[in-house]
Amino acid sequence: MIRPVTDADIPALAALNDAEAEHVNALGESGLRALLGAAWLALRAEGALLVALRGDTPSQGPNHAWFQARLPAFAYVDRVVVAPAARGRGLARALYAEVEARARAAGLPLLCCEVNLLPPNPASLAFHAALGFAPMGEATDPRNGKVVRYLCKPLG
C-alpha cells in the first residue's frame, strides 16, 4: 500500500499537492521534482503523499530552516497530503508510522513538522496532537503570509 515515489508518480502527485495548496504550498511538477531531489524520504499511497527531509539536508525553505536553527538532528515532514476521496482510511497515520520507523532506524531523535494556524487547519492540529506532537513555536511564512505552528515528537 505504501511505496516510494517514482518519476511516473510525479504528475499525479503534483496535481494532488497543488489541489491542497491552502494547507501545503503549491509546487507544480518542477517544484515537486526539486523537493523530491532533496528529500530524505518520499512515500505515496493511493491518493496520498508524504515528503520528509532530514535536519542535515540543505535548507528547503523557511519552515525547514526554523528547525535547523534550533535542533541538531531531526526528521522533518515537509508535507503530507491526502486526497479528499481517500480521507478516513488511515493513510496519513500509516505514512507517519512509516516515516517514524525510518527516522528511529536512522537514529534521529525527533520527528518535526508545521501546521497552518492561518489559514486554520484544525483537523491537522488534532491529528498531530493525537500522534504525540507538541508545539515548539509559531511563525509567519514570509513567502505567503501563512501563520504556522511548529511541532515535534520525541522518538526516543
N, C-alpha and C. Protein backbone atom coordinates (compact mmCIF):
# COMPACT_ATOMS: atom_id res chain seq x y z
N MET A 1 0.82 -1.18 0.00
CA MET A 1 0.00 0.00 0.00
C MET A 1 0.87 1.26 0.00
N ILE A 2 1.86 1.34 0.87
CA ILE A 2 2.79 2.47 0.89
C ILE A 2 4.03 2.07 0.11
N ARG A 3 4.49 2.98 -0.76
CA ARG A 3 5.69 2.69 -1.54
C ARG A 3 6.42 4.00 -1.83
N PRO A 4 7.69 3.91 -2.24
CA PRO A 4 8.42 5.12 -2.61
C PRO A 4 7.81 5.79 -3.83
N VAL A 5 7.95 7.10 -3.89
CA VAL A 5 7.50 7.87 -5.05
C VAL A 5 8.44 7.57 -6.22
N THR A 6 7.87 7.36 -7.39
CA THR A 6 8.66 7.17 -8.61
C THR A 6 8.45 8.36 -9.54
N ASP A 7 9.30 8.46 -10.54
CA ASP A 7 9.19 9.54 -11.50
C ASP A 7 7.82 9.54 -12.18
N ALA A 8 7.29 8.36 -12.45
CA ALA A 8 5.99 8.26 -13.11
C ALA A 8 4.85 8.80 -12.24
N ASP A 9 5.05 8.85 -10.93
CA ASP A 9 4.03 9.34 -10.00
C ASP A 9 3.93 10.86 -9.96
N ILE A 10 4.97 11.54 -10.40
CA ILE A 10 5.08 12.98 -10.15
C ILE A 10 3.94 13.81 -10.73
N PRO A 11 3.49 13.61 -11.97
CA PRO A 11 2.38 14.45 -12.44
C PRO A 11 1.13 14.36 -11.56
N ALA A 12 0.73 13.16 -11.20
CA ALA A 12 -0.47 12.99 -10.38
C ALA A 12 -0.26 13.53 -8.97
N LEU A 13 0.93 13.32 -8.41
CA LEU A 13 1.19 13.80 -7.06
C LEU A 13 1.32 15.32 -7.02
N ALA A 14 1.87 15.92 -8.07
CA ALA A 14 1.93 17.39 -8.13
C ALA A 14 0.51 17.96 -8.18
N ALA A 15 -0.37 17.32 -8.95
CA ALA A 15 -1.77 17.78 -9.02
C ALA A 15 -2.45 17.61 -7.67
N LEU A 16 -2.22 16.49 -6.99
CA LEU A 16 -2.78 16.27 -5.66
C LEU A 16 -2.28 17.34 -4.70
N ASN A 17 -0.97 17.57 -4.68
CA ASN A 17 -0.38 18.57 -3.80
C ASN A 17 -1.00 19.95 -4.06
N ASP A 18 -1.04 20.35 -5.32
CA ASP A 18 -1.48 21.70 -5.64
C ASP A 18 -2.98 21.89 -5.39
N ALA A 19 -3.75 20.81 -5.44
CA ALA A 19 -5.18 20.90 -5.13
C ALA A 19 -5.40 21.21 -3.64
N GLU A 20 -4.38 20.94 -2.83
CA GLU A 20 -4.46 21.19 -1.38
C GLU A 20 -3.57 22.36 -0.97
N ALA A 21 -3.37 23.33 -1.88
CA ALA A 21 -2.45 24.45 -1.66
C ALA A 21 -2.84 25.30 -0.45
N GLU A 22 -4.09 25.26 -0.04
CA GLU A 22 -4.47 26.01 1.17
C GLU A 22 -3.73 25.47 2.39
N HIS A 23 -3.46 24.16 2.40
CA HIS A 23 -2.82 23.53 3.56
C HIS A 23 -1.34 23.26 3.36
N VAL A 24 -0.91 23.09 2.13
CA VAL A 24 0.51 22.92 1.79
C VAL A 24 0.80 23.87 0.63
N ASN A 25 1.99 24.33 0.51
CA ASN A 25 2.30 25.26 -0.57
C ASN A 25 2.28 24.54 -1.92
N ALA A 26 1.69 25.20 -2.91
CA ALA A 26 1.68 24.66 -4.27
C ALA A 26 3.12 24.58 -4.79
N LEU A 27 3.38 23.57 -5.61
CA LEU A 27 4.73 23.36 -6.14
C LEU A 27 4.77 23.22 -7.66
N GLY A 28 3.71 22.70 -8.25
CA GLY A 28 3.77 22.32 -9.65
C GLY A 28 4.72 21.13 -9.81
N GLU A 29 4.79 20.61 -11.03
CA GLU A 29 5.65 19.44 -11.25
C GLU A 29 7.11 19.75 -11.03
N SER A 30 7.58 20.89 -11.52
CA SER A 30 9.01 21.21 -11.38
C SER A 30 9.38 21.42 -9.92
N GLY A 31 8.52 22.08 -9.16
CA GLY A 31 8.80 22.28 -7.75
C GLY A 31 8.80 20.98 -6.97
N LEU A 32 7.86 20.09 -7.30
CA LEU A 32 7.83 18.79 -6.63
C LEU A 32 9.08 17.99 -6.98
N ARG A 33 9.49 18.02 -8.23
CA ARG A 33 10.73 17.32 -8.61
C ARG A 33 11.92 17.85 -7.82
N ALA A 34 12.01 19.16 -7.68
CA ALA A 34 13.12 19.76 -6.92
C ALA A 34 13.08 19.32 -5.46
N LEU A 35 11.89 19.35 -4.85
CA LEU A 35 11.76 18.92 -3.46
C LEU A 35 12.14 17.45 -3.31
N LEU A 36 11.66 16.62 -4.23
CA LEU A 36 11.98 15.19 -4.16
C LEU A 36 13.48 14.95 -4.32
N GLY A 37 14.15 15.81 -5.09
CA GLY A 37 15.61 15.69 -5.24
C GLY A 37 16.35 15.93 -3.94
N ALA A 38 15.77 16.71 -3.04
CA ALA A 38 16.39 16.99 -1.75
C ALA A 38 15.86 16.08 -0.64
N ALA A 39 14.77 15.38 -0.91
CA ALA A 39 14.08 14.61 0.14
C ALA A 39 14.91 13.46 0.67
N TRP A 40 14.75 13.23 1.95
CA TRP A 40 15.31 12.04 2.60
C TRP A 40 14.38 10.86 2.35
N LEU A 41 13.08 11.15 2.30
CA LEU A 41 12.08 10.10 2.14
C LEU A 41 10.87 10.68 1.42
N ALA A 42 10.40 9.98 0.41
CA ALA A 42 9.20 10.38 -0.31
C ALA A 42 8.35 9.13 -0.51
N LEU A 43 7.19 9.14 0.12
CA LEU A 43 6.32 7.96 0.11
C LEU A 43 4.95 8.33 -0.45
N ARG A 44 4.30 7.33 -1.03
CA ARG A 44 2.95 7.54 -1.52
C ARG A 44 2.10 6.31 -1.23
N ALA A 45 0.84 6.56 -1.13
CA ALA A 45 -0.18 5.53 -1.11
C ALA A 45 -1.23 6.02 -2.10
N GLU A 46 -2.17 5.21 -2.46
CA GLU A 46 -3.19 5.65 -3.43
C GLU A 46 -3.93 6.85 -2.86
N GLY A 47 -3.74 8.02 -3.47
CA GLY A 47 -4.39 9.24 -3.01
C GLY A 47 -3.67 9.97 -1.91
N ALA A 48 -2.39 9.66 -1.66
CA ALA A 48 -1.68 10.31 -0.56
C ALA A 48 -0.18 10.44 -0.87
N LEU A 49 0.42 11.46 -0.28
CA LEU A 49 1.84 11.76 -0.45
C LEU A 49 2.42 12.24 0.86
N LEU A 50 3.64 11.81 1.17
CA LEU A 50 4.41 12.33 2.29
C LEU A 50 5.84 12.54 1.82
N VAL A 51 6.37 13.73 2.10
CA VAL A 51 7.77 14.05 1.78
C VAL A 51 8.45 14.48 3.07
N ALA A 52 9.59 13.87 3.37
CA ALA A 52 10.33 14.18 4.58
C ALA A 52 11.78 14.53 4.25
N LEU A 53 12.32 15.43 5.05
CA LEU A 53 13.70 15.87 4.95
C LEU A 53 14.40 15.56 6.27
N ARG A 54 15.70 15.59 6.25
CA ARG A 54 16.48 15.49 7.48
C ARG A 54 16.96 16.87 7.88
N GLY A 55 17.39 16.98 9.10
CA GLY A 55 17.94 18.26 9.56
C GLY A 55 19.23 18.63 8.87
N ASP A 56 19.97 17.64 8.40
CA ASP A 56 21.25 17.92 7.74
C ASP A 56 21.11 18.09 6.22
N THR A 57 19.88 18.08 5.72
CA THR A 57 19.62 18.39 4.32
C THR A 57 19.78 19.90 4.14
N PRO A 58 20.36 20.37 3.03
CA PRO A 58 20.38 21.82 2.81
C PRO A 58 18.97 22.40 2.96
N SER A 59 18.89 23.58 3.54
CA SER A 59 17.61 24.21 3.85
C SER A 59 16.68 24.22 2.65
N GLN A 60 15.45 23.81 2.89
CA GLN A 60 14.42 23.74 1.84
C GLN A 60 13.28 24.69 2.13
N GLY A 61 13.58 25.85 2.62
CA GLY A 61 12.56 26.85 2.89
C GLY A 61 12.58 27.30 4.33
N PRO A 62 11.79 28.33 4.65
CA PRO A 62 11.86 28.91 5.99
C PRO A 62 11.38 27.99 7.10
N ASN A 63 10.46 27.09 6.83
CA ASN A 63 9.99 26.21 7.90
C ASN A 63 11.03 25.16 8.25
N HIS A 64 11.63 24.55 7.26
CA HIS A 64 12.73 23.60 7.49
C HIS A 64 13.88 24.33 8.18
N ALA A 65 14.19 25.54 7.72
CA ALA A 65 15.29 26.33 8.31
C ALA A 65 15.00 26.67 9.77
N TRP A 66 13.74 26.88 10.12
CA TRP A 66 13.39 27.20 11.50
C TRP A 66 13.84 26.07 12.43
N PHE A 67 13.58 24.83 12.04
CA PHE A 67 14.01 23.70 12.85
C PHE A 67 15.53 23.57 12.83
N GLN A 68 16.16 23.78 11.68
CA GLN A 68 17.61 23.68 11.58
C GLN A 68 18.31 24.65 12.52
N ALA A 69 17.73 25.81 12.73
CA ALA A 69 18.34 26.81 13.61
C ALA A 69 18.22 26.44 15.08
N ARG A 70 17.38 25.46 15.40
CA ARG A 70 17.10 25.15 16.80
C ARG A 70 17.45 23.73 17.23
N LEU A 71 17.58 22.83 16.29
CA LEU A 71 17.76 21.41 16.62
C LEU A 71 18.96 20.83 15.90
N PRO A 72 19.74 20.00 16.58
CA PRO A 72 20.92 19.42 15.92
C PRO A 72 20.60 18.26 14.97
N ALA A 73 19.53 17.52 15.22
CA ALA A 73 19.20 16.36 14.38
C ALA A 73 17.71 16.09 14.47
N PHE A 74 17.10 15.81 13.30
CA PHE A 74 15.66 15.55 13.28
C PHE A 74 15.27 15.08 11.89
N ALA A 75 14.09 14.49 11.81
CA ALA A 75 13.40 14.24 10.55
C ALA A 75 12.26 15.25 10.49
N TYR A 76 12.01 15.77 9.31
CA TYR A 76 11.03 16.84 9.13
C TYR A 76 10.04 16.44 8.04
N VAL A 77 8.77 16.35 8.40
CA VAL A 77 7.72 16.09 7.41
C VAL A 77 7.40 17.42 6.75
N ASP A 78 7.89 17.57 5.52
CA ASP A 78 7.67 18.80 4.78
C ASP A 78 6.23 18.92 4.34
N ARG A 79 5.64 17.80 3.95
CA ARG A 79 4.24 17.81 3.55
C ARG A 79 3.66 16.42 3.61
N VAL A 80 2.40 16.38 3.99
CA VAL A 80 1.59 15.18 3.88
C VAL A 80 0.27 15.63 3.29
N VAL A 81 -0.15 14.97 2.23
CA VAL A 81 -1.36 15.36 1.51
C VAL A 81 -2.19 14.10 1.27
N VAL A 82 -3.46 14.17 1.60
CA VAL A 82 -4.38 13.06 1.33
C VAL A 82 -5.57 13.63 0.55
N ALA A 83 -5.85 13.01 -0.58
CA ALA A 83 -6.98 13.46 -1.41
C ALA A 83 -8.28 13.34 -0.62
N PRO A 84 -9.21 14.26 -0.83
CA PRO A 84 -10.49 14.19 -0.11
C PRO A 84 -11.16 12.82 -0.21
N ALA A 85 -11.14 12.20 -1.37
CA ALA A 85 -11.80 10.89 -1.55
C ALA A 85 -11.09 9.77 -0.80
N ALA A 86 -9.83 9.99 -0.39
CA ALA A 86 -9.06 8.95 0.30
C ALA A 86 -9.00 9.16 1.81
N ARG A 87 -9.61 10.22 2.30
CA ARG A 87 -9.55 10.52 3.74
C ARG A 87 -10.39 9.54 4.53
N GLY A 88 -9.99 9.36 5.78
CA GLY A 88 -10.73 8.48 6.68
C GLY A 88 -10.33 7.03 6.58
N ARG A 89 -9.30 6.73 5.80
CA ARG A 89 -8.84 5.34 5.63
C ARG A 89 -7.54 5.05 6.38
N GLY A 90 -7.05 6.04 7.13
CA GLY A 90 -5.82 5.84 7.90
C GLY A 90 -4.55 6.01 7.10
N LEU A 91 -4.62 6.61 5.92
CA LEU A 91 -3.43 6.76 5.08
C LEU A 91 -2.40 7.68 5.72
N ALA A 92 -2.82 8.82 6.24
CA ALA A 92 -1.86 9.74 6.87
C ALA A 92 -1.21 9.06 8.08
N ARG A 93 -2.00 8.37 8.87
CA ARG A 93 -1.45 7.67 10.04
C ARG A 93 -0.44 6.60 9.61
N ALA A 94 -0.74 5.87 8.54
CA ALA A 94 0.19 4.84 8.05
C ALA A 94 1.46 5.47 7.50
N LEU A 95 1.34 6.56 6.77
CA LEU A 95 2.53 7.25 6.26
C LEU A 95 3.39 7.77 7.41
N TYR A 96 2.77 8.35 8.42
CA TYR A 96 3.53 8.83 9.58
C TYR A 96 4.20 7.68 10.33
N ALA A 97 3.52 6.55 10.45
CA ALA A 97 4.13 5.39 11.11
C ALA A 97 5.39 4.95 10.36
N GLU A 98 5.32 4.99 9.04
CA GLU A 98 6.47 4.59 8.23
C GLU A 98 7.63 5.57 8.38
N VAL A 99 7.36 6.86 8.29
CA VAL A 99 8.45 7.83 8.42
C VAL A 99 9.02 7.80 9.84
N GLU A 100 8.17 7.59 10.83
CA GLU A 100 8.65 7.49 12.21
C GLU A 100 9.56 6.28 12.39
N ALA A 101 9.18 5.14 11.86
CA ALA A 101 10.01 3.94 11.96
C ALA A 101 11.36 4.14 11.27
N ARG A 102 11.35 4.77 10.11
CA ARG A 102 12.60 5.01 9.39
C ARG A 102 13.47 6.03 10.11
N ALA A 103 12.86 7.04 10.72
CA ALA A 103 13.63 8.02 11.47
C ALA A 103 14.28 7.37 12.69
N ARG A 104 13.52 6.54 13.38
CA ARG A 104 14.11 5.81 14.53
C ARG A 104 15.27 4.93 14.07
N ALA A 105 15.07 4.20 12.97
CA ALA A 105 16.13 3.33 12.46
C ALA A 105 17.37 4.13 12.07
N ALA A 106 17.19 5.37 11.65
CA ALA A 106 18.31 6.24 11.28
C ALA A 106 18.93 6.93 12.49
N GLY A 107 18.37 6.69 13.68
CA GLY A 107 18.90 7.28 14.90
C GLY A 107 18.52 8.74 15.10
N LEU A 108 17.48 9.20 14.43
CA LEU A 108 17.05 10.59 14.58
C LEU A 108 16.16 10.71 15.82
N PRO A 109 16.41 11.71 16.66
CA PRO A 109 15.70 11.79 17.94
C PRO A 109 14.33 12.42 17.89
N LEU A 110 14.02 13.17 16.81
CA LEU A 110 12.76 13.91 16.75
C LEU A 110 12.14 13.81 15.37
N LEU A 111 10.82 13.85 15.35
CA LEU A 111 10.07 13.99 14.11
C LEU A 111 9.34 15.33 14.21
N CYS A 112 9.55 16.20 13.22
CA CYS A 112 9.03 17.56 13.27
C CYS A 112 8.18 17.88 12.04
N CYS A 113 7.36 18.91 12.17
CA CYS A 113 6.53 19.38 11.06
C CYS A 113 5.98 20.75 11.43
N GLU A 114 5.22 21.33 10.52
CA GLU A 114 4.46 22.53 10.85
C GLU A 114 3.04 22.35 10.34
N VAL A 115 2.11 23.06 11.00
CA VAL A 115 0.70 23.01 10.62
C VAL A 115 0.21 24.45 10.56
N ASN A 116 -0.60 24.76 9.56
CA ASN A 116 -1.14 26.11 9.43
C ASN A 116 -2.08 26.45 10.57
N LEU A 117 -1.87 27.66 11.10
CA LEU A 117 -2.84 28.27 12.00
C LEU A 117 -3.71 29.26 11.23
N LEU A 118 -3.10 29.88 10.19
CA LEU A 118 -3.80 30.81 9.32
C LEU A 118 -3.33 30.59 7.90
N PRO A 119 -4.11 30.06 6.98
CA PRO A 119 -5.49 29.65 7.22
C PRO A 119 -5.56 28.47 8.18
N PRO A 120 -6.60 28.41 8.97
CA PRO A 120 -6.67 27.38 10.01
C PRO A 120 -6.78 25.96 9.45
N ASN A 121 -6.12 25.05 10.14
CA ASN A 121 -6.19 23.64 9.79
C ASN A 121 -6.40 22.83 11.07
N PRO A 122 -7.57 22.95 11.70
CA PRO A 122 -7.80 22.28 12.98
C PRO A 122 -7.74 20.76 12.89
N ALA A 123 -8.12 20.19 11.76
CA ALA A 123 -8.05 18.73 11.63
C ALA A 123 -6.60 18.25 11.71
N SER A 124 -5.70 18.97 11.07
CA SER A 124 -4.28 18.58 11.12
C SER A 124 -3.70 18.79 12.51
N LEU A 125 -4.07 19.87 13.17
CA LEU A 125 -3.60 20.08 14.55
C LEU A 125 -4.06 18.94 15.46
N ALA A 126 -5.31 18.54 15.34
CA ALA A 126 -5.84 17.44 16.16
C ALA A 126 -5.15 16.13 15.82
N PHE A 127 -4.93 15.87 14.52
CA PHE A 127 -4.24 14.66 14.08
C PHE A 127 -2.85 14.58 14.70
N HIS A 128 -2.08 15.66 14.60
CA HIS A 128 -0.72 15.65 15.13
C HIS A 128 -0.70 15.54 16.66
N ALA A 129 -1.64 16.19 17.33
CA ALA A 129 -1.72 16.06 18.78
C ALA A 129 -1.99 14.61 19.17
N ALA A 130 -2.88 13.94 18.44
CA ALA A 130 -3.19 12.53 18.74
C ALA A 130 -1.99 11.63 18.52
N LEU A 131 -1.08 12.03 17.63
CA LEU A 131 0.14 11.24 17.39
C LEU A 131 1.26 11.57 18.37
N GLY A 132 1.05 12.53 19.26
CA GLY A 132 2.05 12.85 20.28
C GLY A 132 2.94 14.02 19.95
N PHE A 133 2.59 14.82 18.96
CA PHE A 133 3.37 16.02 18.64
C PHE A 133 3.04 17.13 19.62
N ALA A 134 4.04 17.93 19.98
CA ALA A 134 3.86 19.06 20.89
C ALA A 134 4.36 20.34 20.22
N PRO A 135 3.75 21.47 20.52
CA PRO A 135 4.16 22.75 19.92
C PRO A 135 5.58 23.16 20.36
N MET A 136 6.30 23.75 19.42
CA MET A 136 7.63 24.31 19.69
C MET A 136 7.69 25.80 19.44
N GLY A 137 6.79 26.32 18.63
CA GLY A 137 6.81 27.74 18.31
C GLY A 137 5.86 28.04 17.18
N GLU A 138 5.83 29.32 16.79
CA GLU A 138 4.98 29.77 15.69
C GLU A 138 5.72 30.82 14.90
N ALA A 139 5.34 30.98 13.63
CA ALA A 139 5.96 31.99 12.78
C ALA A 139 5.04 32.26 11.59
N THR A 140 5.34 33.34 10.91
CA THR A 140 4.66 33.68 9.66
C THR A 140 5.61 33.35 8.52
N ASP A 141 5.13 32.57 7.57
CA ASP A 141 5.93 32.20 6.40
C ASP A 141 6.08 33.44 5.52
N PRO A 142 7.30 33.93 5.31
CA PRO A 142 7.49 35.16 4.53
C PRO A 142 7.13 35.00 3.06
N ARG A 143 7.01 33.77 2.58
CA ARG A 143 6.68 33.56 1.16
C ARG A 143 5.22 33.80 0.85
N ASN A 144 4.35 33.58 1.86
CA ASN A 144 2.92 33.62 1.55
C ASN A 144 2.05 34.18 2.67
N GLY A 145 2.64 34.54 3.80
CA GLY A 145 1.88 35.11 4.90
C GLY A 145 1.14 34.11 5.76
N LYS A 146 1.27 32.81 5.46
CA LYS A 146 0.62 31.81 6.30
C LYS A 146 1.27 31.79 7.68
N VAL A 147 0.45 31.66 8.71
CA VAL A 147 0.96 31.52 10.07
C VAL A 147 0.98 30.04 10.39
N VAL A 148 2.12 29.55 10.87
CA VAL A 148 2.29 28.13 11.13
C VAL A 148 2.66 27.89 12.58
N ARG A 149 2.32 26.72 13.06
CA ARG A 149 2.77 26.23 14.37
C ARG A 149 3.76 25.10 14.11
N TYR A 150 4.91 25.20 14.75
CA TYR A 150 5.94 24.18 14.64
C TYR A 150 5.72 23.12 15.71
N LEU A 151 5.78 21.86 15.31
CA LEU A 151 5.50 20.73 16.20
C LEU A 151 6.64 19.72 16.13
N CYS A 152 6.90 19.06 17.26
CA CYS A 152 7.88 17.97 17.29
C CYS A 152 7.39 16.84 18.17
N LYS A 153 7.87 15.66 17.84
CA LYS A 153 7.57 14.45 18.60
C LYS A 153 8.88 13.75 18.90
N PRO A 154 9.18 13.51 20.18
CA PRO A 154 10.39 12.74 20.51
C PRO A 154 10.26 11.29 20.04
N LEU A 155 11.35 10.76 19.53
CA LEU A 155 11.34 9.38 19.04
C LEU A 155 12.12 8.44 19.94
N GLY A 156 12.65 8.95 21.03
CA GLY A 156 13.47 8.15 21.93
C GLY A 156 12.70 7.10 22.60
